[in-house]
Amino acid sequence: MKKTFFTAVFALLFGLLLSLAPLAAQAQCSMCKSQVEAARQERDDYDVAGLNKGIIYIMTVPYILMGAVGYFWYRRTHPKKATA
């Protein structure tokens, strides 16, 4: 009974968290959009390639860190088999 209750509460909180995620993502996108629009008003030949590269750089760092943690966790929990 308790396990079912905690699972239901966890699922409810997780669903609530996921439903709020688009709000944060939309806010970030509007901030980037406003920066690009402001820069384009100052100069007509503004190149957004630097902004796109920055977004990709920021996006890849967490994946590299998660991959490194996962690799070291796997190596620690699955020791090498001794060869005879």
Protein backbone atom coordinates (compact mmCIF):
# COMPACT_ATOMS: atom_id res chain seq x y z
CA MET A 1 0.00 0.00 0.00
CA LYS A 2 2.73 2.44 0.96
CA LYS A 3 4.78 1.65 -2.13
CA THR A 4 1.79 2.34 -4.38
CA PHE A 5 1.08 5.61 -2.60
CA PHE A 6 4.67 6.83 -2.90
CA THR A 7 4.77 5.82 -6.55
CA ALA A 8 1.59 7.76 -7.24
CA VAL A 9 2.88 10.85 -5.40
CA PHE A 10 6.19 10.64 -7.27
CA ALA A 11 4.39 10.32 -10.61
CA LEU A 12 2.18 13.30 -9.77
CA LEU A 13 5.13 15.50 -8.75
CA PHE A 14 7.15 14.41 -11.77
CA GLY A 15 4.24 15.20 -14.08
CA LEU A 16 3.84 18.61 -12.45
CA LEU A 17 7.54 19.30 -12.88
CA LEU A 18 7.41 18.32 -16.55
CA SER A 19 4.36 20.50 -17.13
CA LEU A 20 6.26 23.52 -15.79
CA ALA A 21 9.37 22.86 -17.90
CA PRO A 22 8.02 24.49 -21.09
CA LEU A 23 7.48 27.73 -19.20
CA ALA A 24 11.16 27.94 -18.29
CA ALA A 25 12.24 26.93 -21.79
CA GLN A 26 9.97 29.53 -23.37
CA ALA A 27 11.40 32.24 -21.13
CA GLN A 28 14.94 31.39 -22.15
CA CYS A 29 14.03 31.41 -25.83
CA SER A 30 12.44 34.84 -25.54
CA MET A 31 15.58 36.16 -23.87
CA CYS A 32 17.75 34.91 -26.73
CA LYS A 33 15.28 36.26 -29.25
CA SER A 34 15.26 39.70 -27.66
CA GLN A 35 19.08 39.80 -27.69
CA VAL A 36 19.21 38.92 -31.39
CA GLU A 37 16.52 41.48 -32.24
CA ALA A 38 18.34 44.20 -30.32
CA ALA A 39 21.63 43.38 -32.03
CA ARG A 40 19.99 43.38 -35.47
CA GLN A 41 18.52 46.82 -34.83
CA GLU A 42 22.01 48.14 -34.11
CA ARG A 43 23.61 46.49 -37.16
CA ASP A 44 21.92 45.15 -40.27
CA ASP A 45 24.58 42.52 -40.99
CA TYR A 46 24.46 40.85 -37.55
CA ASP A 47 25.49 37.20 -37.77
CA VAL A 48 23.68 34.83 -35.39
CA ALA A 49 26.18 32.00 -35.91
CA GLY A 50 28.00 32.96 -32.71
CA LEU A 51 24.78 32.74 -30.71
CA ASN A 52 23.99 29.34 -32.18
CA LYS A 53 27.49 28.06 -31.40
CA GLY A 54 27.14 29.31 -27.81
CA ILE A 55 23.84 27.49 -27.38
CA ILE A 56 25.35 24.25 -28.70
CA TYR A 57 28.37 24.65 -26.41
CA ILE A 58 26.15 25.17 -23.38
CA MET A 59 24.00 22.19 -24.40
CA THR A 60 26.91 19.75 -24.81
CA VAL A 61 28.64 20.31 -21.47
CA PRO A 62 25.95 18.54 -19.35
CA TYR A 63 25.89 15.58 -21.75
CA ILE A 64 29.67 15.20 -21.54
CA LEU A 65 29.54 15.35 -17.74
CA MET A 66 26.69 12.82 -17.55
CA GLY A 67 28.56 10.53 -19.93
CA ALA A 68 31.73 10.71 -17.85
CA VAL A 69 29.86 9.98 -14.62
CA GLY A 70 28.02 7.09 -16.28
CA TYR A 71 31.27 5.65 -17.66
CA PHE A 72 33.04 5.77 -14.31
CA TRP A 73 29.98 4.37 -12.52
CA TYR A 74 29.83 1.49 -15.00
CA ARG A 75 33.55 0.75 -14.65
CA ARG A 76 33.25 0.78 -10.86
CA THR A 77 30.22 -1.52 -10.68
CA HIS A 78 31.42 -3.96 -13.38
CA PRO A 79 35.00 -4.95 -12.55
CA LYS A 80 37.16 -6.63 -15.19
CA LYS A 81 37.06 -10.40 -15.24
CA ALA A 82 40.36 -12.09 -14.44
CA THR A 83 41.81 -14.08 -17.30
CA ALA A 84 43.22 -17.49 -16.45
